[in-house]
């Protein structure tokens, strides 16, 4: 269990190091995004079986509510993409389906190939 907690803490630290800078003129920062999505990491490294962790869904829900404007949504997308590239073992099929598993509709697919500038 200590090893699992250590891994989670390490992932959160990596998240913060990769995208810790605040968003330019955004309502939310990359640090807030990574903190909110930290509970999703273990799930995203798996095969997507079962339900998503409630803390993960709550994080997605709060970020989706906070990203009200086009620049906020584009910045959130960029932060998520940057953070995901800094964590090895992310299952992008699981990531793409995660908002739906949480009952949340976001205006873009979570994928390394998503063009964040095209999000409205």
Protein backbone atom coordinates (compact mmCIF):
# COMPACT_ATOMS: atom_id res chain seq x y z
CA UNK A 1 0.00 0.00 0.00
CA UNK A 2 2.87 2.39 0.77
CA UNK A 3 4.25 1.73 -2.70
CA UNK A 4 0.87 2.57 -4.26
CA UNK A 5 0.66 5.81 -2.30
CA UNK A 6 4.23 6.66 -3.26
CA UNK A 7 3.43 6.06 -6.93
CA UNK A 8 0.38 8.31 -6.74
CA UNK A 9 2.36 11.05 -5.02
CA UNK A 10 5.10 10.74 -7.63
CA UNK A 11 2.56 11.03 -10.45
CA UNK A 12 1.03 14.14 -8.88
CA UNK A 13 4.48 15.70 -8.52
CA UNK A 14 5.28 14.88 -12.16
CA UNK A 15 1.94 16.36 -13.19
CA UNK A 16 2.72 19.58 -11.35
CA UNK A 17 6.26 19.79 -12.70
CA UNK A 18 5.14 19.25 -16.28
CA UNK A 19 2.28 21.72 -16.31
CA UNK A 20 2.56 23.76 -13.14
CA UNK A 21 2.62 27.15 -14.85
CA UNK A 22 -0.62 29.12 -14.65
CA UNK A 23 -2.71 29.54 -17.78
CA UNK A 24 -2.43 32.90 -19.47
CA UNK A 25 -5.61 34.87 -18.78
CA UNK A 26 -7.47 31.71 -17.84
CA UNK A 27 -9.89 31.15 -15.02
CA UNK A 28 -8.15 27.93 -14.04
CA UNK A 29 -4.48 27.01 -13.87
CA UNK A 30 -2.66 23.91 -15.02
CA UNK A 31 -1.87 23.24 -11.37
CA UNK A 32 -5.60 23.17 -10.56
CA UNK A 33 -6.23 20.90 -13.52
CA UNK A 34 -3.56 18.41 -12.54
CA UNK A 35 -4.72 18.38 -8.92
CA UNK A 36 -8.31 17.75 -9.98
CA UNK A 37 -7.31 14.94 -12.34
CA UNK A 38 -4.77 13.23 -10.05
CA UNK A 39 -7.41 10.74 -8.80
CA UNK A 40 -7.81 9.57 -12.43
CA UNK A 41 -4.20 8.42 -12.96
CA UNK A 42 -4.48 4.84 -11.73
CA UNK A 43 -7.73 4.36 -13.66
CA UNK A 44 -6.17 5.74 -16.85
CA UNK A 45 -3.31 3.28 -16.59
CA UNK A 46 -5.78 0.39 -16.54
CA UNK A 47 -8.10 -1.08 -19.13
CA UNK A 48 -11.14 1.06 -18.25
CA UNK A 49 -13.08 -1.84 -16.77
CA UNK A 50 -15.48 -0.99 -14.02
CA UNK A 51 -16.69 2.41 -13.01
CA UNK A 52 -14.48 5.45 -12.85
CA UNK A 53 -13.39 6.57 -9.38
CA UNK A 54 -15.86 9.09 -7.90
CA UNK A 55 -13.04 11.53 -7.01
CA UNK A 56 -11.89 11.41 -10.63
CA UNK A 57 -15.40 12.16 -11.93
CA UNK A 58 -15.77 14.99 -9.43
CA UNK A 59 -12.51 16.48 -10.71
CA UNK A 60 -13.61 16.27 -14.34
CA UNK A 61 -17.00 17.75 -13.45
CA UNK A 62 -15.47 20.71 -11.59
CA UNK A 63 -12.99 21.42 -14.39
CA UNK A 64 -15.70 21.23 -17.02
CA UNK A 65 -17.76 23.72 -15.02
CA UNK A 66 -14.77 26.05 -14.52
CA UNK A 67 -13.78 26.11 -18.21
CA UNK A 68 -16.57 28.40 -19.40
CA UNK A 69 -14.87 30.25 -22.26
CA UNK A 70 -13.20 29.06 -25.45
CA UNK A 71 -9.73 30.15 -24.22
CA UNK A 72 -10.30 28.30 -20.92
CA UNK A 73 -11.34 25.10 -22.74
CA UNK A 74 -8.37 25.34 -25.12
CA UNK A 75 -5.97 25.93 -22.23
CA UNK A 76 -7.45 23.05 -20.23
CA UNK A 77 -7.06 20.78 -23.26
CA UNK A 78 -3.42 21.81 -23.64
CA UNK A 79 -2.71 21.21 -19.95
CA UNK A 80 -4.33 17.78 -20.05
CA UNK A 81 -2.34 16.81 -23.16
CA UNK A 82 0.93 18.04 -21.65
CA UNK A 83 0.31 16.25 -18.38
CA UNK A 84 -0.63 13.01 -20.11
CA UNK A 85 2.59 12.96 -22.13
CA UNK A 86 4.55 13.20 -18.87
CA UNK A 87 3.00 10.03 -17.45
CA UNK A 88 3.94 6.71 -18.95
CA UNK A 89 1.35 3.99 -19.33
CA UNK A 90 -1.74 6.14 -20.01
CA UNK A 91 -4.35 4.13 -21.90
CA UNK A 92 -5.75 6.71 -24.33
CA UNK A 93 -8.78 4.58 -25.18
CA UNK A 94 -9.68 4.61 -21.48
CA UNK A 95 -8.94 8.36 -21.32
CA UNK A 96 -11.20 9.10 -24.29
CA UNK A 97 -14.10 7.24 -22.67
CA UNK A 98 -13.59 8.61 -19.16
CA UNK A 99 -15.85 11.69 -19.39
CA UNK A 100 -18.69 9.51 -20.70
CA UNK A 101 -18.19 7.03 -17.86
CA UNK A 102 -18.60 9.96 -15.50
CA UNK A 103 -21.72 11.20 -17.31
CA UNK A 104 -19.94 14.37 -18.44
CA UNK A 105 -19.84 15.75 -21.97
CA UNK A 106 -16.66 17.65 -22.83
CA UNK A 107 -16.21 19.37 -26.20
CA UNK A 108 -13.10 17.42 -27.25
CA UNK A 109 -11.61 13.95 -27.24
CA UNK A 110 -8.86 13.29 -24.72
CA UNK A 111 -6.12 12.18 -27.07
CA UNK A 112 -2.54 13.13 -27.92
CA UNK A 113 -3.76 13.97 -31.42
CA UNK A 114 -6.45 16.47 -30.32
CA UNK A 115 -5.93 19.94 -31.80
CA UNK A 116 -6.68 22.09 -28.76
CA UNK A 117 -6.75 25.29 -30.83
CA UNK A 118 -9.77 23.96 -32.73
CA UNK A 119 -11.90 23.66 -29.58
CA UNK A 120 -14.66 26.23 -29.29
